[in-house]
Amino acid sequence: MTRVTIRAPRPSDAGPYAEAVQRSAAHIRPWNPVEPDGLPDLMQRQGPGLRSFLIVDLASGGLVGKCNVANIVMGRYCNAALGYDSYVPFHGTGRMTEGMRLVVGRCFADQTAGGLGLHRLEINVQPENERSIAMARRLGFRHEGFTPRMLFLGGAWRDHERFALTAEEWPAPQ
């Protein structure tokens, strides 16, 4: 039984998004910037290189999380990077994993079927972020390596573990 759906953010999501991010600040802050008022800017940046999805609980309409499909490069590469945050009270319920499976499926689906037509996805995670690493593994991503000082977060350059998955490997066994 599917408990979530995914969709692009819309202007009416600004209030619920801000509330979800504020409620989840302690959970998000160690790994990502906490930007409760960032949805309008994120929506404005949507385009060929960035697609964002909100993961929404079907029963309540509450925001489970957000996934950005960033650095989309087509042509011979057809690659992108996934970044995601989960929100309280849905954190730890399995709904974020369900939503991420929908996002990955949409990324690999052919463009004629409403997908992004990608061939390869990456997830880059700080080594201490055990929950996000577990998410990458649940989705079937394989560990590809370690990238020192990859992203500037929280006032410092942070190391990341790199995971990847190709369309041929999807869907991953559950």
N, C-alpha and C. Protein backbone atom coordinates (compact mmCIF):
# COMPACT_ATOMS: atom_id res chain seq x y z
N MET A 1 0.84 -1.18 0.00
CA MET A 1 0.00 0.00 0.00
C MET A 1 0.89 1.25 0.00
N THR A 2 0.66 2.14 -0.94
CA THR A 2 1.42 3.38 -1.04
C THR A 2 0.87 4.39 -0.04
N ARG A 3 1.78 4.96 0.74
CA ARG A 3 1.38 5.94 1.75
C ARG A 3 1.73 7.37 1.36
N VAL A 4 2.51 7.54 0.29
CA VAL A 4 2.97 8.87 -0.09
C VAL A 4 2.83 9.09 -1.60
N THR A 5 2.92 10.34 -1.97
CA THR A 5 3.02 10.72 -3.37
C THR A 5 4.13 11.76 -3.49
N ILE A 6 4.57 12.02 -4.71
CA ILE A 6 5.56 13.07 -4.93
C ILE A 6 4.98 14.09 -5.92
N ARG A 7 5.40 15.32 -5.76
CA ARG A 7 4.97 16.37 -6.68
C ARG A 7 5.92 17.55 -6.57
N ALA A 8 5.87 18.39 -7.60
CA ALA A 8 6.65 19.63 -7.58
C ALA A 8 6.09 20.56 -6.52
N PRO A 9 6.94 21.35 -5.89
CA PRO A 9 6.44 22.34 -4.94
C PRO A 9 5.63 23.42 -5.65
N ARG A 10 4.67 24.00 -4.93
CA ARG A 10 3.85 25.07 -5.49
C ARG A 10 3.78 26.21 -4.46
N PRO A 11 3.41 27.40 -4.90
CA PRO A 11 3.39 28.55 -3.97
C PRO A 11 2.61 28.31 -2.69
N SER A 12 1.52 27.57 -2.76
CA SER A 12 0.71 27.33 -1.56
C SER A 12 1.43 26.45 -0.53
N ASP A 13 2.56 25.87 -0.91
CA ASP A 13 3.33 25.03 0.01
C ASP A 13 4.25 25.84 0.93
N ALA A 14 4.40 27.14 0.67
CA ALA A 14 5.38 27.93 1.42
C ALA A 14 5.15 27.87 2.94
N GLY A 15 3.93 28.04 3.39
CA GLY A 15 3.64 27.99 4.83
C GLY A 15 3.88 26.61 5.43
N PRO A 16 3.25 25.56 4.88
CA PRO A 16 3.50 24.22 5.42
C PRO A 16 4.97 23.80 5.35
N TYR A 17 5.66 24.22 4.29
CA TYR A 17 7.08 23.91 4.15
C TYR A 17 7.88 24.58 5.28
N ALA A 18 7.63 25.86 5.51
CA ALA A 18 8.33 26.58 6.57
C ALA A 18 8.10 25.92 7.92
N GLU A 19 6.85 25.54 8.19
CA GLU A 19 6.53 24.86 9.46
C GLU A 19 7.25 23.52 9.57
N ALA A 20 7.26 22.74 8.49
CA ALA A 20 7.92 21.42 8.52
C ALA A 20 9.42 21.57 8.75
N VAL A 21 10.04 22.53 8.09
CA VAL A 21 11.49 22.73 8.24
C VAL A 21 11.80 23.23 9.65
N GLN A 22 11.01 24.15 10.17
CA GLN A 22 11.24 24.64 11.53
C GLN A 22 11.08 23.52 12.56
N ARG A 23 10.06 22.71 12.38
CA ARG A 23 9.79 21.58 13.29
C ARG A 23 10.94 20.58 13.26
N SER A 24 11.63 20.51 12.12
CA SER A 24 12.66 19.49 11.90
C SER A 24 14.07 20.06 11.98
N ALA A 25 14.22 21.28 12.43
CA ALA A 25 15.51 21.97 12.39
C ALA A 25 16.62 21.19 13.10
N ALA A 26 16.34 20.65 14.27
CA ALA A 26 17.38 19.92 15.00
C ALA A 26 17.83 18.67 14.24
N HIS A 27 16.92 18.08 13.50
CA HIS A 27 17.19 16.87 12.72
C HIS A 27 17.98 17.20 11.44
N ILE A 28 17.69 18.35 10.83
CA ILE A 28 18.31 18.75 9.56
C ILE A 28 19.67 19.42 9.77
N ARG A 29 19.77 20.28 10.79
CA ARG A 29 20.91 21.17 10.97
C ARG A 29 22.29 20.49 10.94
N PRO A 30 22.49 19.32 11.48
CA PRO A 30 23.85 18.77 11.42
C PRO A 30 24.33 18.48 9.99
N TRP A 31 23.39 18.36 9.04
CA TRP A 31 23.78 17.90 7.70
C TRP A 31 23.51 18.90 6.60
N ASN A 32 22.51 19.73 6.74
CA ASN A 32 22.09 20.66 5.70
C ASN A 32 21.70 22.00 6.30
N PRO A 33 21.72 23.05 5.50
CA PRO A 33 21.22 24.34 6.00
C PRO A 33 19.73 24.23 6.33
N VAL A 34 19.32 24.94 7.36
CA VAL A 34 17.91 25.00 7.73
C VAL A 34 17.38 26.33 7.20
N GLU A 35 16.53 26.23 6.15
CA GLU A 35 16.03 27.42 5.48
C GLU A 35 14.51 27.36 5.34
N PRO A 36 13.79 27.64 6.44
CA PRO A 36 12.33 27.52 6.40
C PRO A 36 11.67 28.43 5.36
N ASP A 37 12.31 29.55 5.04
CA ASP A 37 11.72 30.49 4.07
C ASP A 37 12.33 30.32 2.68
N GLY A 38 12.99 29.18 2.42
CA GLY A 38 13.70 28.99 1.17
C GLY A 38 12.90 28.44 0.01
N LEU A 39 11.63 28.07 0.24
CA LEU A 39 10.87 27.44 -0.85
C LEU A 39 10.64 28.37 -2.05
N PRO A 40 10.28 29.64 -1.86
CA PRO A 40 10.10 30.49 -3.05
C PRO A 40 11.36 30.57 -3.91
N ASP A 41 12.53 30.71 -3.29
CA ASP A 41 13.78 30.75 -4.06
C ASP A 41 14.02 29.43 -4.77
N LEU A 42 13.78 28.32 -4.08
CA LEU A 42 13.96 27.00 -4.69
C LEU A 42 13.04 26.84 -5.90
N MET A 43 11.80 27.29 -5.78
CA MET A 43 10.86 27.17 -6.90
C MET A 43 11.32 28.03 -8.07
N GLN A 44 11.88 29.18 -7.79
CA GLN A 44 12.35 30.07 -8.85
C GLN A 44 13.54 29.47 -9.60
N ARG A 45 14.34 28.65 -8.94
CA ARG A 45 15.53 28.05 -9.56
C ARG A 45 15.24 26.78 -10.35
N GLN A 46 13.98 26.32 -10.36
CA GLN A 46 13.64 25.09 -11.09
C GLN A 46 13.89 25.28 -12.58
N GLY A 47 14.43 24.25 -13.20
CA GLY A 47 14.73 24.33 -14.62
C GLY A 47 15.45 23.08 -15.08
N PRO A 48 16.16 23.16 -16.19
CA PRO A 48 16.81 21.96 -16.75
C PRO A 48 17.86 21.35 -15.82
N GLY A 49 18.47 22.15 -14.95
CA GLY A 49 19.51 21.63 -14.07
C GLY A 49 19.06 21.28 -12.68
N LEU A 50 17.81 21.60 -12.32
CA LEU A 50 17.30 21.35 -10.96
C LEU A 50 15.81 21.05 -11.01
N ARG A 51 15.44 19.94 -10.41
CA ARG A 51 14.02 19.59 -10.22
C ARG A 51 13.85 19.20 -8.76
N SER A 52 12.85 19.75 -8.13
CA SER A 52 12.59 19.44 -6.72
C SER A 52 11.25 18.73 -6.60
N PHE A 53 11.19 17.82 -5.64
CA PHE A 53 9.97 17.06 -5.36
C PHE A 53 9.67 17.14 -3.88
N LEU A 54 8.42 17.39 -3.56
CA LEU A 54 7.95 17.25 -2.18
C LEU A 54 7.36 15.86 -2.05
N ILE A 55 7.64 15.23 -0.94
CA ILE A 55 7.06 13.92 -0.62
C ILE A 55 5.94 14.20 0.37
N VAL A 56 4.72 13.78 -0.01
CA VAL A 56 3.52 14.16 0.73
C VAL A 56 2.81 12.90 1.24
N ASP A 57 2.44 12.91 2.51
CA ASP A 57 1.67 11.83 3.11
C ASP A 57 0.26 11.87 2.56
N LEU A 58 -0.19 10.75 1.99
CA LEU A 58 -1.52 10.71 1.37
C LEU A 58 -2.65 10.85 2.39
N ALA A 59 -2.49 10.27 3.57
CA ALA A 59 -3.58 10.30 4.56
C ALA A 59 -3.80 11.69 5.14
N SER A 60 -2.72 12.39 5.46
CA SER A 60 -2.86 13.68 6.15
C SER A 60 -2.56 14.89 5.27
N GLY A 61 -1.87 14.68 4.16
CA GLY A 61 -1.43 15.81 3.33
C GLY A 61 -0.19 16.48 3.87
N GLY A 62 0.37 15.95 4.97
CA GLY A 62 1.57 16.53 5.57
C GLY A 62 2.81 16.30 4.73
N LEU A 63 3.78 17.21 4.88
CA LEU A 63 5.04 17.08 4.14
C LEU A 63 5.97 16.10 4.86
N VAL A 64 6.29 15.02 4.17
CA VAL A 64 7.19 13.98 4.68
C VAL A 64 8.63 14.41 4.48
N GLY A 65 8.91 15.05 3.34
CA GLY A 65 10.27 15.46 3.04
C GLY A 65 10.36 16.14 1.69
N LYS A 66 11.59 16.44 1.33
CA LYS A 66 11.89 17.10 0.06
C LYS A 66 13.09 16.41 -0.56
N CYS A 67 13.09 16.29 -1.88
CA CYS A 67 14.25 15.77 -2.60
C CYS A 67 14.56 16.71 -3.75
N ASN A 68 15.80 17.17 -3.81
CA ASN A 68 16.27 17.94 -4.95
C ASN A 68 17.05 17.03 -5.87
N VAL A 69 16.71 17.07 -7.14
CA VAL A 69 17.48 16.39 -8.19
C VAL A 69 18.29 17.51 -8.82
N ALA A 70 19.56 17.60 -8.46
CA ALA A 70 20.40 18.74 -8.81
C ALA A 70 21.51 18.36 -9.77
N ASN A 71 22.10 19.37 -10.35
CA ASN A 71 23.22 19.19 -11.27
C ASN A 71 22.86 18.22 -12.38
N ILE A 72 21.65 18.38 -12.91
CA ILE A 72 21.19 17.51 -13.99
C ILE A 72 21.96 17.86 -15.26
N VAL A 73 22.63 16.87 -15.81
CA VAL A 73 23.35 17.03 -17.07
C VAL A 73 22.87 15.94 -18.01
N MET A 74 22.41 16.35 -19.17
CA MET A 74 21.89 15.38 -20.14
C MET A 74 22.96 15.06 -21.18
N GLY A 75 22.59 14.87 -22.42
CA GLY A 75 23.55 14.51 -23.46
C GLY A 75 24.05 13.10 -23.24
N ARG A 76 25.34 12.91 -23.36
CA ARG A 76 25.94 11.59 -23.18
C ARG A 76 26.08 11.20 -21.70
N TYR A 77 25.89 12.16 -20.80
CA TYR A 77 26.11 11.93 -19.38
C TYR A 77 24.83 11.44 -18.67
N CYS A 78 23.72 12.17 -18.82
CA CYS A 78 22.43 11.82 -18.21
C CYS A 78 22.57 11.46 -16.73
N ASN A 79 23.13 12.38 -15.97
CA ASN A 79 23.45 12.15 -14.57
C ASN A 79 22.89 13.30 -13.72
N ALA A 80 22.64 13.01 -12.45
CA ALA A 80 22.20 14.04 -11.50
C ALA A 80 22.56 13.59 -10.09
N ALA A 81 22.48 14.53 -9.16
CA ALA A 81 22.74 14.24 -7.74
C ALA A 81 21.46 14.47 -6.95
N LEU A 82 21.18 13.56 -6.03
CA LEU A 82 20.02 13.68 -5.15
C LEU A 82 20.43 14.23 -3.80
N GLY A 83 19.64 15.15 -3.30
CA GLY A 83 19.80 15.65 -1.94
C GLY A 83 18.44 15.67 -1.29
N TYR A 84 18.35 15.28 -0.02
CA TYR A 84 17.02 15.14 0.59
C TYR A 84 17.04 15.46 2.07
N ASP A 85 15.87 15.87 2.54
CA ASP A 85 15.61 16.10 3.97
C ASP A 85 14.28 15.44 4.30
N SER A 86 14.20 14.83 5.47
CA SER A 86 12.93 14.31 5.96
C SER A 86 12.43 15.22 7.08
N TYR A 87 11.11 15.22 7.29
CA TYR A 87 10.51 16.13 8.24
C TYR A 87 9.76 15.38 9.34
N VAL A 88 9.84 15.94 10.54
CA VAL A 88 9.09 15.47 11.70
C VAL A 88 7.62 15.84 11.43
N PRO A 89 6.66 15.00 11.71
CA PRO A 89 6.68 13.78 12.51
C PRO A 89 6.84 12.50 11.69
N PHE A 90 7.16 12.61 10.41
CA PHE A 90 7.21 11.43 9.56
C PHE A 90 8.57 10.75 9.56
N HIS A 91 9.57 11.41 10.12
CA HIS A 91 10.92 10.87 10.20
C HIS A 91 10.90 9.51 10.89
N GLY A 92 11.52 8.53 10.25
CA GLY A 92 11.61 7.19 10.84
C GLY A 92 10.41 6.30 10.63
N THR A 93 9.45 6.71 9.79
CA THR A 93 8.24 5.90 9.57
C THR A 93 8.29 5.07 8.29
N GLY A 94 9.34 5.24 7.49
CA GLY A 94 9.45 4.54 6.21
C GLY A 94 8.86 5.30 5.05
N ARG A 95 8.14 6.37 5.33
CA ARG A 95 7.51 7.14 4.26
C ARG A 95 8.53 7.85 3.38
N MET A 96 9.62 8.30 3.98
CA MET A 96 10.65 8.98 3.19
C MET A 96 11.27 8.00 2.19
N THR A 97 11.52 6.77 2.62
CA THR A 97 12.05 5.76 1.71
C THR A 97 11.06 5.50 0.58
N GLU A 98 9.78 5.39 0.90
CA GLU A 98 8.76 5.20 -0.14
C GLU A 98 8.79 6.35 -1.14
N GLY A 99 8.86 7.56 -0.63
CA GLY A 99 8.90 8.73 -1.50
C GLY A 99 10.15 8.78 -2.34
N MET A 100 11.28 8.42 -1.75
CA MET A 100 12.53 8.43 -2.51
C MET A 100 12.50 7.38 -3.61
N ARG A 101 11.86 6.25 -3.37
CA ARG A 101 11.70 5.25 -4.45
C ARG A 101 10.91 5.84 -5.61
N LEU A 102 9.88 6.63 -5.30
CA LEU A 102 9.10 7.29 -6.36
C LEU A 102 9.96 8.30 -7.11
N VAL A 103 10.78 9.06 -6.39
CA VAL A 103 11.65 10.05 -7.02
C VAL A 103 12.65 9.36 -7.94
N VAL A 104 13.30 8.32 -7.45
CA VAL A 104 14.29 7.61 -8.27
C VAL A 104 13.62 7.03 -9.51
N GLY A 105 12.44 6.44 -9.33
CA GLY A 105 11.71 5.92 -10.48
C GLY A 105 11.40 7.00 -11.50
N ARG A 106 11.01 8.18 -11.04
CA ARG A 106 10.72 9.30 -11.94
C ARG A 106 12.00 9.75 -12.64
N CYS A 107 13.11 9.75 -11.93
CA CYS A 107 14.39 10.16 -12.53
C CYS A 107 14.78 9.24 -13.68
N PHE A 108 14.58 7.93 -13.50
CA PHE A 108 14.98 6.96 -14.51
C PHE A 108 13.94 6.75 -15.61
N ALA A 109 12.69 7.18 -15.38
CA ALA A 109 11.65 7.00 -16.40
C ALA A 109 11.96 7.85 -17.62
N ASP A 110 11.55 7.36 -18.76
CA ASP A 110 11.74 8.05 -20.03
C ASP A 110 11.00 9.39 -20.02
N GLN A 111 11.57 10.37 -20.67
CA GLN A 111 10.95 11.70 -20.72
C GLN A 111 9.57 11.66 -21.38
N THR A 112 9.37 10.76 -22.34
CA THR A 112 8.05 10.67 -22.99
C THR A 112 6.99 10.15 -22.03
N ALA A 113 7.43 9.53 -20.92
CA ALA A 113 6.49 9.02 -19.92
C ALA A 113 6.44 9.94 -18.70
N GLY A 114 6.94 11.17 -18.83
CA GLY A 114 6.91 12.12 -17.72
C GLY A 114 8.10 12.04 -16.79
N GLY A 115 9.08 11.22 -17.14
CA GLY A 115 10.27 11.10 -16.31
C GLY A 115 11.35 12.08 -16.72
N LEU A 116 12.48 11.98 -16.05
CA LEU A 116 13.60 12.87 -16.36
C LEU A 116 14.57 12.25 -17.37
N GLY A 117 14.44 10.95 -17.64
CA GLY A 117 15.29 10.31 -18.64
C GLY A 117 16.75 10.20 -18.25
N LEU A 118 17.03 10.11 -16.95
CA LEU A 118 18.42 10.01 -16.49
C LEU A 118 18.93 8.58 -16.56
N HIS A 119 20.23 8.43 -16.62
CA HIS A 119 20.86 7.11 -16.63
C HIS A 119 21.55 6.81 -15.31
N ARG A 120 22.05 7.84 -14.63
CA ARG A 120 22.84 7.63 -13.41
C ARG A 120 22.47 8.69 -12.38
N LEU A 121 22.40 8.25 -11.11
CA LEU A 121 22.14 9.15 -9.99
C LEU A 121 23.23 8.98 -8.95
N GLU A 122 23.56 10.07 -8.29
CA GLU A 122 24.51 10.04 -7.17
C GLU A 122 23.83 10.57 -5.92
N ILE A 123 24.27 10.05 -4.79
CA ILE A 123 23.92 10.61 -3.48
C ILE A 123 25.24 10.80 -2.75
N ASN A 124 25.49 12.00 -2.27
CA ASN A 124 26.70 12.32 -1.52
C ASN A 124 26.31 12.64 -0.08
N VAL A 125 26.92 11.92 0.86
CA VAL A 125 26.50 11.98 2.26
C VAL A 125 27.73 12.15 3.15
N GLN A 126 27.61 13.03 4.14
CA GLN A 126 28.68 13.15 5.12
C GLN A 126 28.83 11.82 5.85
N PRO A 127 30.06 11.38 6.09
CA PRO A 127 30.30 10.04 6.66
C PRO A 127 29.59 9.78 7.99
N GLU A 128 29.34 10.81 8.77
CA GLU A 128 28.70 10.64 10.07
C GLU A 128 27.17 10.54 9.97
N ASN A 129 26.62 10.81 8.81
CA ASN A 129 25.16 10.83 8.63
C ASN A 129 24.68 9.40 8.32
N GLU A 130 24.64 8.60 9.36
CA GLU A 130 24.32 7.18 9.21
C GLU A 130 22.93 6.94 8.64
N ARG A 131 21.97 7.77 8.98
CA ARG A 131 20.61 7.57 8.49
C ARG A 131 20.52 7.79 6.98
N SER A 132 21.20 8.81 6.47
CA SER A 132 21.18 9.06 5.03
C SER A 132 21.96 8.01 4.27
N ILE A 133 23.03 7.51 4.86
CA ILE A 133 23.77 6.42 4.23
C ILE A 133 22.88 5.18 4.17
N ALA A 134 22.14 4.92 5.24
CA ALA A 134 21.23 3.77 5.24
C ALA A 134 20.15 3.95 4.17
N MET A 135 19.67 5.18 3.97
CA MET A 135 18.68 5.45 2.92
C MET A 135 19.27 5.12 1.55
N ALA A 136 20.47 5.59 1.28
CA ALA A 136 21.11 5.31 -0.01
C ALA A 136 21.21 3.80 -0.24
N ARG A 137 21.60 3.07 0.77
CA ARG A 137 21.73 1.61 0.63
C ARG A 137 20.37 0.94 0.45
N ARG A 138 19.34 1.41 1.19
CA ARG A 138 17.98 0.84 1.03
C ARG A 138 17.48 1.02 -0.40
N LEU A 139 17.86 2.12 -1.01
CA LEU A 139 17.43 2.40 -2.38
C LEU A 139 18.25 1.63 -3.42
N GLY A 140 19.29 0.94 -2.98
CA GLY A 140 20.10 0.14 -3.89
C GLY A 140 21.34 0.83 -4.41
N PHE A 141 21.64 2.02 -3.90
CA PHE A 141 22.85 2.73 -4.34
C PHE A 141 24.08 2.00 -3.82
N ARG A 142 25.11 1.93 -4.64
CA ARG A 142 26.37 1.30 -4.25
C ARG A 142 27.38 2.37 -3.87
N HIS A 143 28.23 2.02 -2.92
CA HIS A 143 29.28 2.95 -2.49
C HIS A 143 30.34 3.04 -3.58
N GLU A 144 30.67 4.25 -3.99
CA GLU A 144 31.67 4.44 -5.04
C GLU A 144 32.95 5.06 -4.53
N GLY A 145 32.90 5.75 -3.41
CA GLY A 145 34.15 6.35 -2.94
C GLY A 145 33.93 7.45 -1.95
N PHE A 146 35.04 8.10 -1.65
CA PHE A 146 35.11 9.15 -0.64
C PHE A 146 35.62 10.41 -1.32
N THR A 147 34.94 11.54 -1.06
CA THR A 147 35.36 12.82 -1.63
C THR A 147 35.68 13.78 -0.49
N PRO A 148 36.96 14.08 -0.28
CA PRO A 148 37.31 15.00 0.80
C PRO A 148 36.90 16.44 0.47
N ARG A 149 36.45 17.14 1.50
CA ARG A 149 36.13 18.57 1.40
C ARG A 149 35.25 18.89 0.19
N MET A 150 34.16 18.18 0.05
CA MET A 150 33.30 18.30 -1.13
C MET A 150 32.37 19.52 -1.10
N LEU A 151 31.71 19.76 0.05
CA LEU A 151 30.71 20.84 0.14
C LEU A 151 31.01 21.73 1.34
N PHE A 152 30.74 23.02 1.18
CA PHE A 152 30.89 23.98 2.26
C PHE A 152 29.57 24.06 3.00
N LEU A 153 29.51 23.47 4.18
CA LEU A 153 28.30 23.42 5.01
C LEU A 153 28.65 23.75 6.45
N GLY A 154 27.83 24.51 7.09
CA GLY A 154 28.05 24.81 8.50
C GLY A 154 29.39 25.47 8.78
N GLY A 155 29.86 26.28 7.84
CA GLY A 155 31.10 27.03 8.06
C GLY A 155 32.39 26.28 7.76
N ALA A 156 32.29 25.09 7.17
CA ALA A 156 33.52 24.32 6.88
C ALA A 156 33.30 23.44 5.65
N TRP A 157 34.39 23.07 5.02
CA TRP A 157 34.34 22.11 3.92
C TRP A 157 34.16 20.72 4.50
N ARG A 158 33.15 19.99 4.04
CA ARG A 158 32.79 18.69 4.61
C ARG A 158 33.10 17.56 3.63
N ASP A 159 33.67 16.50 4.19
CA ASP A 159 33.90 15.28 3.43
C ASP A 159 32.57 14.59 3.16
N HIS A 160 32.53 13.80 2.06
CA HIS A 160 31.32 13.06 1.71
C HIS A 160 31.66 11.67 1.18
N GLU A 161 30.79 10.74 1.49
CA GLU A 161 30.81 9.41 0.88
C GLU A 161 29.92 9.50 -0.36
N ARG A 162 30.37 8.88 -1.45
CA ARG A 162 29.64 8.95 -2.71
C ARG A 162 29.01 7.60 -3.04
N PHE A 163 27.71 7.63 -3.33
CA PHE A 163 26.94 6.45 -3.71
C PHE A 163 26.35 6.71 -5.09
N ALA A 164 26.16 5.66 -5.88
CA ALA A 164 25.58 5.83 -7.22
C ALA A 164 24.72 4.64 -7.59
N LEU A 165 23.85 4.89 -8.57
CA LEU A 165 22.93 3.88 -9.08
C LEU A 165 22.67 4.21 -10.54
N THR A 166 22.61 3.19 -11.39
CA THR A 166 22.28 3.42 -12.80
C THR A 166 20.90 2.84 -13.10
N ALA A 167 20.34 3.28 -14.20
CA ALA A 167 19.01 2.82 -14.60
C ALA A 167 18.95 1.30 -14.74
N GLU A 168 20.07 0.67 -15.17
CA GLU A 168 20.09 -0.78 -15.31
C GLU A 168 19.97 -1.50 -13.97
N GLU A 169 20.32 -0.82 -12.89
CA GLU A 169 20.27 -1.41 -11.55
C GLU A 169 18.93 -1.17 -10.85
N TRP A 170 18.05 -0.45 -11.51
CA TRP A 170 16.78 -0.07 -10.91
C TRP A 170 15.66 -0.89 -11.53
N PRO A 171 14.65 -1.35 -10.82
CA PRO A 171 14.49 -1.12 -9.39
C PRO A 171 15.35 -2.07 -8.56
N ALA A 172 15.83 -1.54 -7.47
CA ALA A 172 16.66 -2.33 -6.56
C ALA A 172 15.76 -3.29 -5.78
N PRO A 173 16.27 -4.47 -5.45
CA PRO A 173 15.47 -5.39 -4.63
C PRO A 173 15.13 -4.73 -3.28
N GLN A 174 13.91 -4.97 -2.80
CA GLN A 174 13.50 -4.37 -1.53
C GLN A 174 13.66 -5.34 -0.38
